[in-house]
Amino acid sequence: MEGLLAIGLLILLMGIGVPVAWAFAGTLAYLVYIYDSNLSTLLLQGFRSLNSIVLLALPLFVLTGYLMQSGGLATRIIRFIDVLVGGRRGGMGASLVLSSGIFGAIAGTATAAVASIGTIMVDPLEKRGYPRGYTSALLGVSSLLGILIPPSITMILFAVVTRQSVAAAFAATIGPALLLMIGLILFNRFCAGRLFEEIPGEAVAKGQRGKAVFAALPALVLPFIILGGIYGGVFTPTEAAAVAVAASLFIGAFIYRDLTWGRFGKSIIAAAETTGTIILILLFSFMISRILAFERVPQELTETMLSFSLGPIGTLLLVNAVLIVTGALMDDVSVTVVIAPLFMPVVTAVGVEPLHYAAIVGCSVVIGANSPPVAPILYMACRISKVPIHKTVGPALLLLGIVALPVMLVTTFWPALSLSFPRWLGFY
């Protein structure tokens, strides 16, 4: 009971505006007091858990995202996608979705995708007839493709806290990511001309198309290097992150020449701030998880849920609902490092594979990060688009209800979608 109260306290602290890391610290203090735990031992165990070569990939991929933004890689990728599909019906919206997917295949972060793609595409989309509220919603949901398309920082965290292979967790979310991308493009094509009137774009000359493709080639090579290297056994995910940083530096500084010393310094500072927050959350979450495991909270939760006799389908629907609700109240890192491991014994008890569960968690984060009241990614998209949140909530709920939620349900009840890629790549 105390463990569940601790989760409630965490949600309450975040809900009243306490910074996420310190909300975790407050929850830890409550648990240490209630269970009379040895704080020195917990700190030692927490630091040992952080001493992981796998976690080294996290700051490197975060830095890659900022370097892509400041080094001109994101701009070239967006221009490349736009000249390919931007002139078709719903093409500009499809450009936004595809750009988010390619960005995610390099950096693995949603926030960097929102900042990079939003600042470049929102105004052109408005000129083509897209309402800013709708654009913000599409930007928010599309940016979460970075959580599903490998490499993904969320999947790195999931693999660390649940002791799974990082590369296998990456592979598990490829199927749901492709399905979500297709769903968003089809939904946007349906909306263009119905929910709003899309203004046709100017025809792109062959010379311009060729220039855009040539300019984007160095940036487009990165996903093949990163993913090909990981799944080809050339290097580990951590080494792939280091390669991504080096390649982003080289391309931004010496090929595009957009990366100046000033921009590089700002990228380092921004990456350090983001990483520091995540590491603090991880440290406190490891300590919280240690207390909960010692007090058998996950086992008691599993026994309680299985005692309802809901069966595998009912249990999975309940887990889905809890993940979505907590995701709407907490940020994606909190859900991944606290809530997801808590339900791991529950889903494995009804026959769900850990890699299948990784894909379910990834899909729930897509929904939760864009669902009020917290909706951190949706609020960020609104700030980038300079549009009030009330104009974005309606389109966002449409996108979540018609596209993201069905993708999560398909992922939940069709295991092959998430397990096929790990099986083909030899991880399962």
Protein backbone atom coordinates (compact mmCIF):
# COMPACT_ATOMS: atom_id res chain seq x y z
CA MET A 1 0.00 0.00 0.00
CA GLU A 2 2.81 2.38 0.91
CA GLY A 3 4.45 1.73 -2.47
CA LEU A 4 1.30 2.76 -4.35
CA LEU A 5 0.98 5.83 -2.10
CA ALA A 6 4.56 6.72 -3.08
CA ILE A 7 3.60 6.61 -6.78
CA GLY A 8 0.60 8.81 -5.96
CA LEU A 9 2.87 11.24 -4.10
CA LEU A 10 5.19 11.39 -7.12
CA ILE A 11 2.29 12.25 -9.43
CA LEU A 12 0.99 14.84 -6.94
CA LEU A 13 4.37 16.56 -6.61
CA MET A 14 4.75 16.74 -10.38
CA GLY A 15 1.17 17.95 -10.72
CA ILE A 16 1.73 20.94 -8.41
CA GLY A 17 4.79 22.00 -10.37
CA VAL A 18 7.72 20.51 -8.45
CA PRO A 19 10.62 19.87 -10.88
CA VAL A 20 10.64 16.22 -11.93
CA ALA A 21 13.99 15.30 -10.38
CA TRP A 22 13.03 16.81 -7.02
CA ALA A 23 9.61 15.15 -7.14
CA PHE A 24 11.52 11.86 -7.30
CA ALA A 25 13.71 13.01 -4.40
CA GLY A 26 10.62 13.79 -2.30
CA THR A 27 9.13 10.37 -3.07
CA LEU A 28 12.41 8.70 -2.13
CA ALA A 29 12.49 10.60 1.19
CA TYR A 30 8.94 9.41 1.92
CA LEU A 31 9.85 5.76 1.23
CA VAL A 32 13.07 5.96 3.26
CA TYR A 33 11.08 7.33 6.21
CA ILE A 34 8.20 4.84 5.94
CA TYR A 35 10.38 1.74 5.53
CA ASP A 36 13.28 2.99 7.69
CA SER A 37 15.74 2.22 4.88
CA ASN A 38 19.49 2.75 5.05
CA LEU A 39 20.10 5.80 2.86
CA SER A 40 23.88 5.23 2.63
CA THR A 41 23.36 1.71 1.24
CA LEU A 42 20.72 2.96 -1.18
CA LEU A 43 23.03 5.70 -2.47
CA LEU A 44 25.83 3.19 -3.02
CA GLN A 45 23.50 0.85 -4.91
CA GLY A 46 22.11 3.75 -6.94
CA PHE A 47 25.57 4.90 -8.03
CA ARG A 48 26.52 1.33 -8.91
CA SER A 49 23.45 1.11 -11.16
CA LEU A 50 24.47 4.34 -12.88
CA ASN A 51 27.96 2.94 -13.49
CA SER A 52 26.87 1.42 -16.79
CA ILE A 53 28.55 1.63 -20.20
CA VAL A 54 25.08 1.41 -21.74
CA LEU A 55 24.02 4.68 -20.08
CA LEU A 56 26.96 6.44 -21.72
CA ALA A 57 24.93 6.33 -24.95
CA LEU A 58 22.32 8.62 -23.41
CA PRO A 59 24.29 11.91 -23.25
CA LEU A 60 25.88 11.15 -26.61
CA PHE A 61 22.56 10.74 -28.42
CA VAL A 62 21.19 13.83 -26.65
CA LEU A 63 24.22 15.79 -27.88
CA THR A 64 23.71 14.41 -31.40
CA GLY A 65 20.21 15.88 -31.44
CA TYR A 66 21.44 19.34 -30.50
CA LEU A 67 24.31 19.16 -33.00
CA MET A 68 21.89 18.23 -35.77
CA GLN A 69 19.86 21.29 -34.88
CA SER A 70 22.80 23.73 -34.72
CA GLY A 71 24.86 22.16 -37.52
CA GLY A 72 22.27 22.43 -40.28
CA LEU A 73 21.57 18.69 -40.64
CA ALA A 74 17.91 19.05 -39.70
CA THR A 75 17.38 21.87 -42.21
CA ARG A 76 18.77 19.82 -45.11
CA ILE A 77 16.73 16.75 -44.17
CA ILE A 78 13.50 18.76 -44.06
CA ARG A 79 14.24 20.41 -47.41
CA PHE A 80 14.97 17.00 -48.96
CA ILE A 81 11.67 15.50 -47.75
CA ASP A 82 9.76 18.61 -48.84
CA VAL A 83 10.95 18.50 -52.46
CA LEU A 84 10.05 14.79 -52.64
CA VAL A 85 6.50 14.82 -51.27
CA GLY A 86 5.63 18.44 -50.43
CA GLY A 87 3.81 19.14 -53.71
CA ARG A 88 1.26 16.33 -53.35
CA ARG A 89 -2.07 16.52 -51.51
CA GLY A 90 -1.25 16.45 -47.80
CA GLY A 91 2.40 16.59 -48.83
CA MET A 92 3.55 19.29 -46.43
CA GLY A 93 2.09 17.45 -43.47
CA ALA A 94 3.66 14.22 -44.73
CA SER A 95 6.99 16.09 -44.95
CA LEU A 96 6.70 16.97 -41.27
CA VAL A 97 5.98 13.34 -40.32
CA LEU A 98 8.78 11.89 -42.44
CA SER A 99 11.26 14.52 -41.24
CA SER A 100 10.44 13.59 -37.64
CA GLY A 101 11.01 9.93 -38.45
CA ILE A 102 14.41 10.54 -40.07
CA PHE A 103 15.41 12.89 -37.24
CA GLY A 104 14.45 10.17 -34.75
CA ALA A 105 16.57 7.63 -36.61
CA ILE A 106 19.63 9.77 -35.86
CA ALA A 107 19.06 11.51 -32.52
CA GLY A 108 16.36 9.51 -30.69
CA THR A 109 14.86 12.50 -28.87
CA ALA A 110 11.40 14.04 -29.21
CA THR A 111 12.26 17.45 -27.74
CA ALA A 112 15.07 18.09 -30.20
CA ALA A 113 12.79 17.03 -33.06
CA VAL A 114 10.07 19.47 -31.95
CA ALA A 115 12.54 22.34 -31.69
CA SER A 116 14.35 21.62 -34.96
CA ILE A 117 11.44 20.70 -37.21
CA GLY A 118 8.91 23.06 -35.64
CA THR A 119 10.98 26.20 -36.05
CA ILE A 120 11.55 25.40 -39.72
CA MET A 121 8.16 24.02 -40.84
CA VAL A 122 5.36 25.73 -38.91
CA ASP A 123 5.31 28.97 -40.91
CA PRO A 124 5.55 27.26 -44.35
CA LEU A 125 2.71 24.93 -43.32
CA GLU A 126 0.56 27.92 -42.35
CA LYS A 127 1.21 29.51 -45.75
CA ARG A 128 -0.03 26.29 -47.35
CA GLY A 129 -3.32 26.51 -45.41
CA TYR A 130 -2.56 24.34 -42.38
CA PRO A 131 -4.08 25.77 -39.15
CA ARG A 132 -1.39 26.40 -36.54
CA GLY A 133 -3.33 24.41 -33.93
CA TYR A 134 -3.47 21.36 -36.20
CA THR A 135 0.20 21.78 -37.15
CA SER A 136 1.19 21.89 -33.46
CA ALA A 137 -0.73 18.69 -32.79
CA LEU A 138 0.80 16.90 -35.78
CA LEU A 139 4.26 18.14 -34.76
CA GLY A 140 3.79 16.92 -31.19
CA VAL A 141 2.65 13.42 -32.12
CA SER A 142 5.12 13.04 -35.03
CA SER A 143 8.08 14.06 -32.89
CA LEU A 144 7.42 11.02 -30.69
CA LEU A 145 8.51 8.84 -33.61
CA GLY A 146 11.97 9.52 -32.17
CA ILE A 147 10.95 7.39 -29.17
CA LEU A 148 9.92 4.46 -31.38
CA ILE A 149 12.42 4.64 -34.25
CA PRO A 150 15.87 3.47 -33.09
CA PRO A 151 18.09 4.69 -31.63
CA SER A 152 15.74 5.79 -28.84
CA ILE A 153 16.71 7.30 -25.50
CA THR A 154 13.46 5.98 -24.00
CA MET A 155 14.33 2.43 -25.06
CA ILE A 156 17.85 2.82 -23.63
CA LEU A 157 16.28 3.72 -20.28
CA PHE A 158 13.77 0.85 -20.56
CA ALA A 159 16.55 -1.63 -21.32
CA VAL A 160 18.65 -0.41 -18.38
CA VAL A 161 15.88 -0.54 -15.76
CA THR A 162 14.46 -3.89 -16.97
CA ARG A 163 17.83 -5.49 -17.79
CA GLN A 164 17.11 -6.13 -21.47
CA SER A 165 19.35 -5.83 -24.51
CA VAL A 166 19.41 -2.25 -25.79
CA ALA A 167 19.70 -3.33 -29.43
CA ALA A 168 16.78 -5.76 -28.99
CA ALA A 169 14.63 -3.05 -27.41
CA PHE A 170 15.50 -0.78 -30.35
CA ALA A 171 14.34 -3.46 -32.81
CA ALA A 172 11.07 -4.10 -30.94
CA THR A 173 9.70 -0.64 -31.67
CA ILE A 174 10.47 -0.52 -35.40
CA GLY A 175 7.15 -2.17 -36.41
CA PRO A 176 4.93 0.13 -34.29
CA ALA A 177 6.94 3.16 -35.51
CA LEU A 178 6.33 2.33 -39.17
CA LEU A 179 2.63 1.72 -38.49
CA LEU A 180 2.31 5.04 -36.62
CA MET A 181 4.12 6.91 -39.40
CA ILE A 182 1.82 5.45 -42.08
CA GLY A 183 -1.24 6.21 -39.95
CA LEU A 184 -0.24 9.85 -39.43
CA ILE A 185 0.44 10.38 -43.16
CA LEU A 186 -2.92 8.83 -44.15
CA PHE A 187 -4.81 10.83 -41.50
CA ASN A 188 -3.15 14.04 -42.66
CA ARG A 189 -3.99 13.28 -46.30
CA PHE A 190 -7.63 12.75 -45.29
CA CYS A 191 -7.71 16.05 -43.37
CA ALA A 192 -6.19 18.08 -46.23
CA GLY A 193 -9.19 19.38 -48.17
CA ARG A 194 -11.70 18.32 -45.51
CA LEU A 195 -10.78 19.78 -42.12
CA PHE A 196 -8.84 22.56 -43.86
CA GLU A 197 -8.15 23.67 -47.41
CA GLU A 198 -4.57 22.98 -48.46
CA ILE A 199 -3.06 25.51 -50.86
CA PRO A 200 -1.15 23.77 -53.68
CA GLY A 201 2.57 24.37 -53.62
CA GLU A 202 4.72 25.58 -56.46
CA ALA A 203 6.23 22.95 -58.74
CA VAL A 204 9.81 22.08 -57.81
CA ALA A 205 12.28 22.40 -60.65
CA LYS A 206 14.50 19.41 -61.42
CA GLY A 207 17.56 21.44 -60.58
CA GLN A 208 16.20 22.33 -57.14
CA ARG A 209 15.27 18.72 -56.46
CA GLY A 210 18.75 17.57 -57.35
CA LYS A 211 20.36 20.24 -55.17
CA ALA A 212 18.17 19.30 -52.19
CA VAL A 213 18.99 15.61 -52.55
CA PHE A 214 22.72 16.29 -52.90
CA ALA A 215 22.75 18.66 -49.91
CA ALA A 216 20.91 16.15 -47.69
CA LEU A 217 23.07 13.11 -48.58
CA PRO A 218 25.66 13.57 -45.79
CA ALA A 219 22.89 13.85 -43.16
CA LEU A 220 20.90 10.96 -44.65
CA VAL A 221 23.92 8.65 -44.46
CA LEU A 222 23.91 8.92 -40.64
CA PRO A 223 20.91 6.61 -39.93
CA PHE A 224 22.45 3.90 -42.11
CA ILE A 225 25.78 4.19 -40.32
CA ILE A 226 24.19 4.12 -36.84
CA LEU A 227 21.61 1.38 -37.35
CA GLY A 228 23.69 -0.61 -39.81
CA GLY A 229 26.60 -0.56 -37.40
CA ILE A 230 24.47 -1.68 -34.44
CA TYR A 231 22.60 -4.48 -36.18
CA GLY A 232 25.56 -5.48 -38.33
CA GLY A 233 27.60 -6.12 -35.20
CA VAL A 234 30.18 -3.47 -36.08
CA PHE A 235 29.71 -1.54 -32.84
CA THR A 236 27.55 -1.42 -29.72
CA PRO A 237 24.76 1.15 -29.17
CA THR A 238 27.15 3.19 -27.01
CA GLU A 239 29.81 3.16 -29.70
CA ALA A 240 27.12 4.04 -32.26
CA ALA A 241 26.25 7.10 -30.15
CA ALA A 242 29.89 8.20 -30.18
CA VAL A 243 30.02 7.72 -33.95
CA ALA A 244 26.82 9.79 -34.30
CA VAL A 245 28.36 12.67 -32.34
CA ALA A 246 31.59 12.56 -34.36
CA ALA A 247 29.73 12.38 -37.67
CA SER A 248 27.35 15.22 -36.70
CA LEU A 249 30.33 17.36 -35.73
CA PHE A 250 32.18 16.65 -38.96
CA ILE A 251 29.14 17.20 -41.21
CA GLY A 252 27.99 20.35 -39.43
CA ALA A 253 31.44 21.94 -39.17
CA PHE A 254 33.26 20.90 -42.35
CA ILE A 255 30.59 19.97 -44.93
CA TYR A 256 27.68 22.32 -44.18
CA ARG A 257 29.85 24.78 -42.22
CA ASP A 258 26.85 25.87 -40.12
CA LEU A 259 28.33 24.66 -36.82
CA THR A 260 30.30 27.53 -35.29
CA TRP A 261 32.17 27.48 -31.99
CA GLY A 262 29.36 29.48 -30.41
CA ARG A 263 26.67 27.04 -31.57
CA PHE A 264 28.82 24.10 -30.52
CA GLY A 265 29.18 25.54 -27.03
CA LYS A 266 25.44 26.10 -26.73
CA SER A 267 24.81 22.51 -27.86
CA ILE A 268 27.20 21.16 -25.21
CA ILE A 269 25.51 23.20 -22.47
CA ALA A 270 21.98 22.21 -23.56
CA ALA A 271 22.95 18.53 -23.78
CA ALA A 272 24.60 18.66 -20.34
CA GLU A 273 21.49 20.22 -18.77
CA THR A 274 19.18 17.63 -20.33
CA THR A 275 21.46 14.73 -19.40
CA GLY A 276 21.95 15.98 -15.85
CA THR A 277 18.20 16.06 -15.26
CA ILE A 278 17.74 12.54 -16.63
CA ILE A 279 20.65 11.12 -14.61
CA LEU A 280 19.27 12.63 -11.39
CA ILE A 281 15.88 11.08 -12.13
CA LEU A 282 17.56 7.74 -12.84
CA LEU A 283 19.56 7.82 -9.60
CA PHE A 284 16.46 8.48 -7.48
CA SER A 285 14.39 5.96 -9.46
CA PHE A 286 17.01 3.22 -8.96
CA MET A 287 16.89 3.88 -5.22
CA ILE A 288 13.08 3.91 -5.20
CA SER A 289 12.97 0.67 -7.20
CA ARG A 290 15.37 -0.94 -4.74
CA ILE A 291 13.09 -0.13 -1.81
CA LEU A 292 9.96 -1.27 -3.68
CA ALA A 293 11.63 -4.55 -4.70
CA PHE A 294 12.85 -5.20 -1.14
CA GLU A 295 9.33 -4.61 0.19
CA ARG A 296 7.86 -6.91 -2.56
CA VAL A 297 5.63 -4.16 -4.00
CA PRO A 298 5.84 -5.45 -7.63
CA GLN A 299 4.97 -8.98 -6.51
CA GLU A 300 2.01 -7.74 -4.47
CA LEU A 301 0.82 -5.64 -7.42
CA THR A 302 1.05 -8.68 -9.70
CA GLU A 303 -0.89 -10.87 -7.25
CA THR A 304 -3.57 -8.20 -6.83
CA MET A 305 -4.09 -7.68 -10.56
CA LEU A 306 -4.13 -11.41 -11.32
CA SER A 307 -6.64 -11.95 -8.50
CA PHE A 308 -9.18 -9.92 -10.50
CA SER A 309 -9.32 -12.87 -12.96
CA LEU A 310 -9.44 -10.52 -15.94
CA GLY A 311 -7.59 -12.94 -18.19
CA PRO A 312 -4.71 -11.97 -20.50
CA ILE A 313 -6.81 -9.57 -22.62
CA GLY A 314 -8.39 -7.78 -19.66
CA THR A 315 -5.05 -7.55 -17.85
CA LEU A 316 -3.33 -6.05 -20.90
CA LEU A 317 -6.15 -3.54 -21.38
CA LEU A 318 -5.84 -2.53 -17.72
CA VAL A 319 -2.05 -2.14 -18.05
CA ASN A 320 -2.57 -0.08 -21.21
CA ALA A 321 -5.03 2.19 -19.40
CA VAL A 322 -2.68 2.68 -16.43
CA LEU A 323 0.27 3.46 -18.73
CA ILE A 324 -1.78 6.03 -20.67
CA VAL A 325 -3.20 7.69 -17.55
CA THR A 326 0.16 7.88 -15.77
CA GLY A 327 1.74 9.06 -19.03
CA ALA A 328 -0.77 11.92 -19.11
CA LEU A 329 0.30 12.91 -15.58
CA MET A 330 4.05 12.20 -15.73
CA ASP A 331 6.81 12.76 -18.26
CA ASP A 332 8.11 9.97 -20.51
CA VAL A 333 11.28 9.38 -18.46
CA SER A 334 9.26 8.93 -15.25
CA VAL A 335 6.88 6.46 -16.88
CA THR A 336 9.75 4.49 -18.37
CA VAL A 337 11.93 4.21 -15.27
CA VAL A 338 9.22 3.86 -12.58
CA ILE A 339 5.85 2.67 -13.92
CA ALA A 340 7.08 0.36 -16.71
CA PRO A 341 9.28 -1.86 -14.48
CA LEU A 342 6.49 -2.03 -11.91
CA PHE A 343 4.18 -3.75 -14.41
CA MET A 344 6.82 -6.02 -15.95
CA PRO A 345 5.96 -8.97 -13.63
CA VAL A 346 2.24 -8.44 -14.35
CA VAL A 347 2.56 -8.68 -18.13
CA THR A 348 5.08 -11.52 -18.08
CA ALA A 349 2.68 -13.46 -15.84
CA VAL A 350 0.05 -13.38 -18.61
CA GLY A 351 2.54 -14.46 -21.28
CA VAL A 352 3.83 -11.16 -22.69
CA GLU A 353 7.48 -11.17 -23.79
CA PRO A 354 9.68 -8.37 -22.34
CA LEU A 355 10.48 -7.04 -25.85
CA HIS A 356 6.79 -7.00 -26.71
CA TYR A 357 6.20 -5.04 -23.51
CA ALA A 358 8.93 -2.57 -24.53
CA ALA A 359 6.93 -1.73 -27.67
CA ILE A 360 3.73 -1.33 -25.61
CA VAL A 361 5.50 1.11 -23.28
CA GLY A 362 6.87 3.07 -26.24
CA CYS A 363 3.39 3.44 -27.73
CA SER A 364 1.95 4.53 -24.38
CA VAL A 365 4.60 7.27 -24.11
CA VAL A 366 3.53 8.62 -27.52
CA ILE A 367 -0.02 9.01 -26.21
CA GLY A 368 0.83 10.23 -22.72
CA ALA A 369 3.35 12.87 -23.81
CA ASN A 370 0.63 14.55 -25.89
CA SER A 371 -2.30 14.11 -23.47
CA PRO A 372 -3.33 16.88 -21.05
CA PRO A 373 -2.92 17.88 -18.27
CA VAL A 374 0.89 17.49 -18.39
CA ALA A 375 1.48 16.85 -22.15
CA PRO A 376 5.10 18.14 -22.14
CA ILE A 377 5.70 17.56 -25.86
CA LEU A 378 2.35 19.09 -26.88
CA TYR A 379 3.01 22.21 -24.78
CA MET A 380 6.47 22.51 -26.30
CA ALA A 381 5.00 22.21 -29.81
CA CYS A 382 2.57 25.01 -28.93
CA ARG A 383 5.40 27.24 -27.73
CA ILE A 384 7.36 26.59 -30.93
CA SER A 385 4.26 27.22 -33.08
CA LYS A 386 3.22 30.28 -31.00
CA VAL A 387 -0.37 29.03 -30.66
CA PRO A 388 -2.61 28.72 -27.54
CA ILE A 389 -2.94 25.19 -26.17
CA HIS A 390 -6.76 25.22 -26.48
CA LYS A 391 -6.43 25.42 -30.27
CA THR A 392 -4.20 22.35 -30.28
CA VAL A 393 -5.93 20.00 -27.84
CA GLY A 394 -8.80 19.12 -30.20
CA PRO A 395 -6.62 18.10 -33.18
CA ALA A 396 -4.21 16.33 -30.81
CA LEU A 397 -7.00 14.21 -29.30
CA LEU A 398 -8.17 13.35 -32.83
CA LEU A 399 -4.68 12.22 -33.80
CA LEU A 400 -4.29 10.23 -30.58
CA GLY A 401 -7.73 8.63 -30.76
CA ILE A 402 -7.78 7.80 -34.48
CA VAL A 403 -4.10 6.96 -35.04
CA ALA A 404 -1.95 6.54 -31.90
CA LEU A 405 -4.40 4.58 -29.72
CA PRO A 406 -5.25 2.03 -32.47
CA VAL A 407 -1.49 1.58 -33.06
CA MET A 408 -1.01 0.87 -29.35
CA LEU A 409 -3.87 -1.67 -29.35
CA VAL A 410 -2.54 -3.39 -32.47
CA THR A 411 0.91 -3.50 -30.87
CA THR A 412 -0.56 -4.95 -27.68
CA PHE A 413 -2.64 -7.71 -29.25
CA TRP A 414 -0.49 -8.54 -32.29
CA PRO A 415 2.89 -9.55 -30.82
CA ALA A 416 4.37 -10.23 -34.27
CA LEU A 417 4.41 -6.50 -34.99
CA SER A 418 6.97 -5.88 -32.25
CA LEU A 419 8.74 -9.25 -32.21
CA SER A 420 9.35 -9.76 -35.94
CA PHE A 421 12.28 -7.37 -36.23
CA PRO A 422 14.06 -8.71 -33.10
CA ARG A 423 13.52 -12.24 -34.47
CA TRP A 424 14.88 -11.37 -37.92
CA LEU A 425 17.90 -9.70 -36.36
CA GLY A 426 18.62 -12.64 -34.07
CA PHE A 427 17.69 -11.04 -30.74
CA TYR A 428 14.62 -13.21 -30.05
